[in-house]
């Protein structure tokens, strides 16, 4: 099954983090979009994808990395996962 990794790292300092920028809510919205489309894609909440200053970050496993993710980008991220060939 295809997988989209969502960084959910929370930093409790003044440094940026994906979790601090709303990645938990984005992961939930992505899961709802997947369910609505009955897509064969799973969401994996991951502790850190690096590049915190560019977050929220998502990565299609074996595919593209997305930075500064917003809810408006979720359909394109899902489509990227669906377009990625199976292993």
PDB file of N, CA and C in Angstrom:
ATOM      1  N   UNK A   1       0.848  -1.186   0.000  1.00  0.00           N
ATOM      2  CA  UNK A   1       0.000   0.000   0.000  1.00  0.00           C
ATOM      3  C   UNK A   1       0.887   1.240   0.000  1.00  0.00           C
ATOM      4  N   UNK A   2       0.480   2.236  -0.723  1.00  0.00           N
ATOM      5  CA  UNK A   2       1.224   3.486  -0.793  1.00  0.00           C
ATOM      6  C   UNK A   2       1.078   4.247   0.521  1.00  0.00           C
ATOM      7  N   UNK A   3       2.121   4.985   0.864  1.00  0.00           N
ATOM      8  CA  UNK A   3       2.167   5.660   2.156  1.00  0.00           C
ATOM      9  C   UNK A   3       2.608   7.110   1.996  1.00  0.00           C
ATOM     10  N   UNK A   4       1.956   7.984   2.744  1.00  0.00           N
ATOM     11  CA  UNK A   4       2.378   9.374   2.859  1.00  0.00           C
ATOM     12  C   UNK A   4       2.808   9.589   4.302  1.00  0.00           C
ATOM     13  N   UNK A   5       4.054  10.005   4.474  1.00  0.00           N
ATOM     14  CA  UNK A   5       4.576  10.286   5.805  1.00  0.00           C
ATOM     15  C   UNK A   5       4.330  11.750   6.132  1.00  0.00           C
ATOM     16  N   UNK A   6       3.807  11.997   7.321  1.00  0.00           N
ATOM     17  CA  UNK A   6       3.522  13.355   7.788  1.00  0.00           C
ATOM     18  C   UNK A   6       4.369  13.607   9.024  1.00  0.00           C
ATOM     19  N   UNK A   7       5.220  14.615   8.956  1.00  0.00           N
ATOM     20  CA  UNK A   7       6.021  14.968  10.124  1.00  0.00           C
ATOM     21  C   UNK A   7       5.110  15.593  11.179  1.00  0.00           C
ATOM     22  N   UNK A   8       5.216  15.092  12.405  1.00  0.00           N
ATOM     23  CA  UNK A   8       4.398  15.631  13.498  1.00  0.00           C
ATOM     24  C   UNK A   8       5.257  16.143  14.653  1.00  0.00           C
ATOM     25  N   UNK A   9       6.521  16.384  14.372  1.00  0.00           N
ATOM     26  CA  UNK A   9       7.458  16.831  15.403  1.00  0.00           C
ATOM     27  C   UNK A   9       6.978  18.122  16.057  1.00  0.00           C
ATOM     28  N   UNK A  10       6.927  18.107  17.376  1.00  0.00           N
ATOM     29  CA  UNK A  10       6.626  19.313  18.163  1.00  0.00           C
ATOM     30  C   UNK A  10       7.888  19.711  18.900  1.00  0.00           C
ATOM     31  N   UNK A  11       8.305  20.920  18.719  1.00  0.00           N
ATOM     32  CA  UNK A  11       9.428  21.463  19.484  1.00  0.00           C
ATOM     33  C   UNK A  11       8.834  22.459  20.466  1.00  0.00           C
ATOM     34  N   UNK A  12       9.238  22.343  21.696  1.00  0.00           N
ATOM     35  CA  UNK A  12       8.701  23.237  22.714  1.00  0.00           C
ATOM     36  C   UNK A  12       9.729  24.321  23.037  1.00  0.00           C
ATOM     37  N   UNK A  13      10.255  24.889  21.947  1.00  0.00           N
ATOM     38  CA  UNK A  13      11.193  26.002  22.034  1.00  0.00           C
ATOM     39  C   UNK A  13      10.746  27.031  21.004  1.00  0.00           C
ATOM     40  N   UNK A  14      11.599  28.006  20.754  1.00  0.00           N
ATOM     41  CA  UNK A  14      11.260  29.005  19.744  1.00  0.00           C
ATOM     42  C   UNK A  14      11.644  28.540  18.339  1.00  0.00           C
ATOM     43  N   UNK A  15      12.163  27.313  18.199  1.00  0.00           N
ATOM     44  CA  UNK A  15      12.526  26.785  16.885  1.00  0.00           C
ATOM     45  C   UNK A  15      11.277  26.273  16.170  1.00  0.00           C
ATOM     46  N   UNK A  16      11.264  26.351  14.834  1.00  0.00           N
ATOM     47  CA  UNK A  16      10.084  25.894  14.081  1.00  0.00           C
ATOM     48  C   UNK A  16       9.913  24.382  14.149  1.00  0.00           C
ATOM     49  N   UNK A  17       8.669  23.939  14.002  1.00  0.00           N
ATOM     50  CA  UNK A  17       8.377  22.504  13.934  1.00  0.00           C
ATOM     51  C   UNK A  17       7.112  22.285  13.124  1.00  0.00           C
ATOM     52  N   UNK A  18       7.039  21.123  12.512  1.00  0.00           N
ATOM     53  CA  UNK A  18       5.853  20.794  11.711  1.00  0.00           C
ATOM     54  C   UNK A  18       4.610  20.703  12.594  1.00  0.00           C
ATOM     55  N   UNK A  19       4.751  20.038  13.744  1.00  0.00           N
ATOM     56  CA  UNK A  19       3.617  19.923  14.648  1.00  0.00           C
ATOM     57  C   UNK A  19       3.137  21.279  15.134  1.00  0.00           C
ATOM     58  N   UNK A  20       4.068  22.160  15.390  1.00  0.00           N
ATOM     59  CA  UNK A  20       3.725  23.507  15.815  1.00  0.00           C
ATOM     60  C   UNK A  20       3.051  24.330  14.726  1.00  0.00           C
ATOM     61  N   UNK A  21       3.173  23.873  13.498  1.00  0.00           N
ATOM     62  CA  UNK A  21       2.552  24.568  12.366  1.00  0.00           C
ATOM     63  C   UNK A  21       1.308  23.853  11.854  1.00  0.00           C
ATOM     64  N   UNK A  22       0.776  22.931  12.644  1.00  0.00           N
ATOM     65  CA  UNK A  22      -0.518  22.347  12.313  1.00  0.00           C
ATOM     66  C   UNK A  22      -0.498  21.039  11.554  1.00  0.00           C
ATOM     67  N   UNK A  23       0.606  20.302  11.598  1.00  0.00           N
ATOM     68  CA  UNK A  23       0.671  19.063  10.821  1.00  0.00           C
ATOM     69  C   UNK A  23      -0.284  17.981  11.334  1.00  0.00           C
ATOM     70  N   UNK A  24      -0.616  17.989  12.614  1.00  0.00           N
ATOM     71  CA  UNK A  24      -1.577  16.999  13.134  1.00  0.00           C
ATOM     72  C   UNK A  24      -2.934  17.171  12.450  1.00  0.00           C
ATOM     73  N   UNK A  25      -3.398  18.405  12.362  1.00  0.00           N
ATOM     74  CA  UNK A  25      -4.676  18.679  11.692  1.00  0.00           C
ATOM     75  C   UNK A  25      -4.591  18.353  10.203  1.00  0.00           C
ATOM     76  N   UNK A  26      -3.445  18.620   9.582  1.00  0.00           N
ATOM     77  CA  UNK A  26      -3.266  18.284   8.171  1.00  0.00           C
ATOM     78  C   UNK A  26      -3.317  16.772   7.960  1.00  0.00           C
ATOM     79  N   UNK A  27      -2.723  16.010   8.865  1.00  0.00           N
ATOM     80  CA  UNK A  27      -2.765  14.547   8.761  1.00  0.00           C
ATOM     81  C   UNK A  27      -4.202  14.047   8.852  1.00  0.00           C
ATOM     82  N   UNK A  28      -4.979  14.608   9.761  1.00  0.00           N
ATOM     83  CA  UNK A  28      -6.393  14.220   9.885  1.00  0.00           C
ATOM     84  C   UNK A  28      -7.171  14.581   8.618  1.00  0.00           C
ATOM     85  N   UNK A  29      -6.927  15.767   8.082  1.00  0.00           N
ATOM     86  CA  UNK A  29      -7.614  16.180   6.847  1.00  0.00           C
ATOM     87  C   UNK A  29      -7.220  15.289   5.682  1.00  0.00           C
ATOM     88  N   UNK A  30      -5.945  14.896   5.623  1.00  0.00           N
ATOM     89  CA  UNK A  30      -5.489  13.995   4.565  1.00  0.00           C
ATOM     90  C   UNK A  30      -6.151  12.630   4.703  1.00  0.00           C
ATOM     91  N   UNK A  31      -6.257  12.118   5.922  1.00  0.00           N
ATOM     92  CA  UNK A  31      -6.935  10.838   6.137  1.00  0.00           C
ATOM     93  C   UNK A  31      -8.396  10.907   5.708  1.00  0.00           C
ATOM     94  N   UNK A  32      -9.051  12.031   5.966  1.00  0.00           N
ATOM     95  CA  UNK A  32     -10.441  12.185   5.544  1.00  0.00           C
ATOM     96  C   UNK A  32     -10.545  12.225   4.025  1.00  0.00           C
ATOM     97  N   UNK A  33      -9.634  12.913   3.373  1.00  0.00           N
ATOM     98  CA  UNK A  33      -9.610  12.971   1.910  1.00  0.00           C
ATOM     99  C   UNK A  33      -9.397  11.575   1.321  1.00  0.00           C
ATOM    100  N   UNK A  34      -8.499  10.813   1.906  1.00  0.00           N
ATOM    101  CA  UNK A  34      -8.241   9.437   1.464  1.00  0.00           C
ATOM    102  C   UNK A  34      -9.497   8.592   1.624  1.00  0.00           C
ATOM    103  N   UNK A  35     -10.169   8.709   2.769  1.00  0.00           N
ATOM    104  CA  UNK A  35     -11.400   7.950   3.013  1.00  0.00           C
ATOM    105  C   UNK A  35     -12.494   8.356   2.030  1.00  0.00           C
ATOM    106  N   UNK A  36     -12.637   9.648   1.794  1.00  0.00           N
ATOM    107  CA  UNK A  36     -13.667  10.141   0.867  1.00  0.00           C
ATOM    108  C   UNK A  36     -13.460   9.592  -0.537  1.00  0.00           C
ATOM    109  N   UNK A  37     -12.216   9.473  -0.935  1.00  0.00           N
ATOM    110  CA  UNK A  37     -11.898   8.974  -2.282  1.00  0.00           C
ATOM    111  C   UNK A  37     -11.704   7.465  -2.321  1.00  0.00           C
ATOM    112  N   UNK A  38     -11.793   6.830  -1.149  1.00  0.00           N
ATOM    113  CA  UNK A  38     -11.581   5.384  -1.028  1.00  0.00           C
ATOM    114  C   UNK A  38     -10.259   4.975  -1.671  1.00  0.00           C
ATOM    115  N   UNK A  39      -9.249   5.791  -1.453  1.00  0.00           N
ATOM    116  CA  UNK A  39      -7.922   5.554  -2.026  1.00  0.00           C
ATOM    117  C   UNK A  39      -7.162   4.531  -1.185  1.00  0.00           C
ATOM    118  N   UNK A  40      -6.335   3.775  -1.836  1.00  0.00           N
ATOM    119  CA  UNK A  40      -5.516   2.774  -1.160  1.00  0.00           C
ATOM    120  C   UNK A  40      -4.167   3.402  -0.784  1.00  0.00           C
ATOM    121  N   UNK A  41      -4.242   4.341   0.155  1.00  0.00           N
ATOM    122  CA  UNK A  41      -3.078   5.076   0.636  1.00  0.00           C
ATOM    123  C   UNK A  41      -3.220   5.187   2.141  1.00  0.00           C
ATOM    124  N   UNK A  42      -2.112   5.017   2.849  1.00  0.00           N
ATOM    125  CA  UNK A  42      -2.171   5.199   4.299  1.00  0.00           C
ATOM    126  C   UNK A  42      -1.315   6.386   4.709  1.00  0.00           C
ATOM    127  N   UNK A  43      -1.666   6.973   5.825  1.00  0.00           N
ATOM    128  CA  UNK A  43      -0.932   8.089   6.406  1.00  0.00           C
ATOM    129  C   UNK A  43      -0.124   7.545   7.567  1.00  0.00           C
ATOM    130  N   UNK A  44       1.158   7.868   7.569  1.00  0.00           N
ATOM    131  CA  UNK A  44       2.047   7.465   8.662  1.00  0.00           C
ATOM    132  C   UNK A  44       2.564   8.733   9.330  1.00  0.00           C
ATOM    133  N   UNK A  45       2.161   8.929  10.567  1.00  0.00           N
ATOM    134  CA  UNK A  45       2.658  10.083  11.326  1.00  0.00           C
ATOM    135  C   UNK A  45       4.081   9.743  11.769  1.00  0.00           C
ATOM    136  N   UNK A  46       5.020  10.585  11.365  1.00  0.00           N
ATOM    137  CA  UNK A  46       6.435  10.304  11.562  1.00  0.00           C
ATOM    138  C   UNK A  46       7.024  11.348  12.492  1.00  0.00           C
ATOM    139  N   UNK A  47       7.942  10.956  13.382  1.00  0.00           N
ATOM    140  CA  UNK A  47       8.440  11.908  14.371  1.00  0.00           C
ATOM    141  C   UNK A  47       9.232  13.079  13.806  1.00  0.00           C
ATOM    142  N   UNK A  48       9.938  12.903  12.696  1.00  0.00           N
ATOM    143  CA  UNK A  48      10.663  14.031  12.111  1.00  0.00           C
ATOM    144  C   UNK A  48      11.161  13.655  10.721  1.00  0.00           C
ATOM    145  N   UNK A  49      10.923  14.541   9.772  1.00  0.00           N
ATOM    146  CA  UNK A  49      11.431  14.366   8.412  1.00  0.00           C
ATOM    147  C   UNK A  49      12.598  15.302   8.131  1.00  0.00           C
ATOM    148  N   UNK A  50      13.045  16.045   9.142  1.00  0.00           N
ATOM    149  CA  UNK A  50      14.090  17.032   8.938  1.00  0.00           C
ATOM    150  C   UNK A  50      13.514  18.274   8.276  1.00  0.00           C
ATOM    151  N   UNK A  51      14.354  19.235   8.022  1.00  0.00           N
ATOM    152  CA  UNK A  51      13.947  20.462   7.340  1.00  0.00           C
ATOM    153  C   UNK A  51      12.791  21.172   8.047  1.00  0.00           C
ATOM    154  N   UNK A  52      12.859  21.211   9.354  1.00  0.00           N
ATOM    155  CA  UNK A  52      11.783  21.802  10.159  1.00  0.00           C
ATOM    156  C   UNK A  52      11.446  23.226   9.723  1.00  0.00           C
ATOM    157  N   UNK A  53      12.457  23.967   9.288  1.00  0.00           N
ATOM    158  CA  UNK A  53      12.212  25.354   8.893  1.00  0.00           C
ATOM    159  C   UNK A  53      11.339  25.453   7.644  1.00  0.00           C
ATOM    160  N   UNK A  54      11.150  24.346   6.922  1.00  0.00           N
ATOM    161  CA  UNK A  54      10.317  24.336   5.720  1.00  0.00           C
ATOM    162  C   UNK A  54       8.949  23.705   5.958  1.00  0.00           C
ATOM    163  N   UNK A  55       8.639  23.351   7.194  1.00  0.00           N
ATOM    164  CA  UNK A  55       7.428  22.622   7.493  1.00  0.00           C
ATOM    165  C   UNK A  55       6.163  23.457   7.447  1.00  0.00           C
ATOM    166  N   UNK A  56       5.048  22.750   7.515  1.00  0.00           N
ATOM    167  CA  UNK A  56       4.886  21.321   7.665  1.00  0.00           C
ATOM    168  C   UNK A  56       5.382  20.554   6.426  1.00  0.00           C
ATOM    169  N   UNK A  57       5.985  19.404   6.697  1.00  0.00           N
ATOM    170  CA  UNK A  57       6.541  18.561   5.646  1.00  0.00           C
ATOM    171  C   UNK A  57       5.784  17.246   5.527  1.00  0.00           C
ATOM    172  N   UNK A  58       5.625  16.794   4.284  1.00  0.00           N
ATOM    173  CA  UNK A  58       5.056  15.478   3.988  1.00  0.00           C
ATOM    174  C   UNK A  58       5.912  14.841   2.912  1.00  0.00           C
ATOM    175  N   UNK A  59       5.978  13.509   2.948  1.00  0.00           N
ATOM    176  CA  UNK A  59       6.778  12.765   1.976  1.00  0.00           C
ATOM    177  C   UNK A  59       5.989  11.574   1.493  1.00  0.00           C
ATOM    178  N   UNK A  60       5.849  11.468   0.174  1.00  0.00           N
ATOM    179  CA  UNK A  60       5.290  10.256  -0.415  1.00  0.00           C
ATOM    180  C   UNK A  60       6.424   9.243  -0.404  1.00  0.00           C
ATOM    181  N   UNK A  61       6.217   8.092   0.233  1.00  0.00           N
ATOM    182  CA  UNK A  61       7.278   7.096   0.311  1.00  0.00           C
ATOM    183  C   UNK A  61       7.683   6.705  -1.101  1.00  0.00           C
ATOM    184  N   UNK A  62       8.995   6.723  -1.352  1.00  0.00           N
ATOM    185  CA  UNK A  62       9.590   6.461  -2.670  1.00  0.00           C
ATOM    186  C   UNK A  62       9.183   7.511  -3.689  1.00  0.00           C
ATOM    187  N   UNK A  63       8.808   8.693  -3.199  1.00  0.00           N
ATOM    188  CA  UNK A  63       8.366   9.747  -4.111  1.00  0.00           C
ATOM    189  C   UNK A  63       8.752  11.119  -3.615  1.00  0.00           C
ATOM    190  N   UNK A  64       7.909  12.067  -3.923  1.00  0.00           N
ATOM    191  CA  UNK A  64       8.184  13.482  -3.719  1.00  0.00           C
ATOM    192  C   UNK A  64       8.044  13.917  -2.263  1.00  0.00           C
ATOM    193  N   UNK A  65       8.843  14.918  -1.911  1.00  0.00           N
ATOM    194  CA  UNK A  65       8.770  15.568  -0.601  1.00  0.00           C
ATOM    195  C   UNK A  65       8.054  16.895  -0.796  1.00  0.00           C
ATOM    196  N   UNK A  66       7.171  17.245   0.124  1.00  0.00           N
ATOM    197  CA  UNK A  66       6.403  18.490   0.056  1.00  0.00           C
ATOM    198  C   UNK A  66       6.702  19.334   1.286  1.00  0.00           C
ATOM    199  N   UNK A  67       6.900  20.635   1.078  1.00  0.00           N
ATOM    200  CA  UNK A  67       7.215  21.574   2.156  1.00  0.00           C
ATOM    201  C   UNK A  67       6.142  22.653   2.220  1.00  0.00           C
ATOM    202  N   UNK A  68       6.076  23.315   3.355  1.00  0.00           N
ATOM    203  CA  UNK A  68       5.103  24.397   3.579  1.00  0.00           C
ATOM    204  C   UNK A  68       3.693  23.911   3.204  1.00  0.00           C
ATOM    205  N   UNK A  69       3.361  22.691   3.628  1.00  0.00           N
ATOM    206  CA  UNK A  69       2.091  22.076   3.236  1.00  0.00           C
ATOM    207  C   UNK A  69       0.918  22.829   3.853  1.00  0.00           C
ATOM    208  N   UNK A  70      -0.083  23.045   3.019  1.00  0.00           N
ATOM    209  CA  UNK A  70      -1.352  23.630   3.459  1.00  0.00           C
ATOM    210  C   UNK A  70      -2.463  22.655   3.080  1.00  0.00           C
ATOM    211  N   UNK A  71      -3.641  22.876   3.632  1.00  0.00           N
ATOM    212  CA  UNK A  71      -4.762  21.991   3.322  1.00  0.00           C
ATOM    213  C   UNK A  71      -5.089  22.005   1.826  1.00  0.00           C
ATOM    214  N   UNK A  72      -4.891  23.126   1.174  1.00  0.00           N
ATOM    215  CA  UNK A  72      -5.162  23.233  -0.264  1.00  0.00           C
ATOM    216  C   UNK A  72      -4.252  22.325  -1.093  1.00  0.00           C
ATOM    217  N   UNK A  73      -3.105  21.952  -0.543  1.00  0.00           N
ATOM    218  CA  UNK A  73      -2.154  21.100  -1.270  1.00  0.00           C
ATOM    219  C   UNK A  73      -2.470  19.612  -1.148  1.00  0.00           C
ATOM    220  N   UNK A  74      -3.330  19.232  -0.215  1.00  0.00           N
ATOM    221  CA  UNK A  74      -3.553  17.809   0.073  1.00  0.00           C
ATOM    222  C   UNK A  74      -4.032  17.001  -1.137  1.00  0.00           C
ATOM    223  N   UNK A  75      -4.957  17.504  -1.964  1.00  0.00           N
ATOM    224  CA  UNK A  75      -5.342  16.715  -3.141  1.00  0.00           C
ATOM    225  C   UNK A  75      -4.158  16.411  -4.071  1.00  0.00           C
ATOM    226  N   UNK A  76      -3.268  17.376  -4.250  1.00  0.00           N
ATOM    227  CA  UNK A  76      -2.102  17.157  -5.102  1.00  0.00           C
ATOM    228  C   UNK A  76      -1.131  16.156  -4.476  1.00  0.00           C
ATOM    229  N   UNK A  77      -0.974  16.209  -3.163  1.00  0.00           N
ATOM    230  CA  UNK A  77      -0.102  15.259  -2.474  1.00  0.00           C
ATOM    231  C   UNK A  77      -0.676  13.852  -2.593  1.00  0.00           C
ATOM    232  N   UNK A  78      -1.978  13.716  -2.388  1.00  0.00           N
ATOM    233  CA  UNK A  78      -2.618  12.406  -2.546  1.00  0.00           C
ATOM    234  C   UNK A  78      -2.448  11.908  -3.977  1.00  0.00           C
ATOM    235  N   UNK A  79      -2.652  12.772  -4.951  1.00  0.00           N
ATOM    236  CA  UNK A  79      -2.500  12.352  -6.349  1.00  0.00           C
ATOM    237  C   UNK A  79      -1.068  11.917  -6.645  1.00  0.00           C
ATOM    238  N   UNK A  80      -0.103  12.598  -6.055  1.00  0.00           N
ATOM    239  CA  UNK A  80       1.293  12.212  -6.226  1.00  0.00           C
ATOM    240  C   UNK A  80       1.526  10.794  -5.705  1.00  0.00           C
ATOM    241  N   UNK A  81       0.915  10.470  -4.575  1.00  0.00           N
ATOM    242  CA  UNK A  81       1.040   9.114  -4.028  1.00  0.00           C
ATOM    243  C   UNK A  81       0.378   8.103  -4.949  1.00  0.00           C
ATOM    244  N   UNK A  82      -0.782   8.445  -5.459  1.00  0.00           N
ATOM    245  CA  UNK A  82      -1.500   7.521  -6.336  1.00  0.00           C
ATOM    246  C   UNK A  82      -0.763   7.313  -7.655  1.00  0.00           C
ATOM    247  N   UNK A  83      -0.039   8.322  -8.119  1.00  0.00           N
ATOM    248  CA  UNK A  83       0.709   8.223  -9.363  1.00  0.00           C
ATOM    249  C   UNK A  83       2.024   7.472  -9.208  1.00  0.00           C
ATOM    250  N   UNK A  84       2.507   7.327  -7.976  1.00  0.00           N
ATOM    251  CA  UNK A  84       3.786   6.668  -7.721  1.00  0.00           C
ATOM    252  C   UNK A  84       3.651   5.171  -8.003  1.00  0.00           C
ATOM    253  N   UNK A  85       4.568   4.594  -8.809  1.00  0.00           N
ATOM    254  CA  UNK A  85       4.477   3.155  -9.101  1.00  0.00           C
ATOM    255  C   UNK A  85       4.655   2.313  -7.838  1.00  0.00           C
ATOM    256  N   UNK A  86       4.031   1.169  -7.815  1.00  0.00           N
ATOM    257  CA  UNK A  86       4.181   0.230  -6.692  1.00  0.00           C
ATOM    258  C   UNK A  86       5.601  -0.318  -6.681  1.00  0.00           C
ATOM    259  N   UNK A  87       6.082  -0.659  -5.488  1.00  0.00           N
ATOM    260  CA  UNK A  87       7.405  -1.280  -5.377  1.00  0.00           C
ATOM    261  C   UNK A  87       7.436  -2.649  -6.003  1.00  0.00           C
TER     262      UNK A  87
END
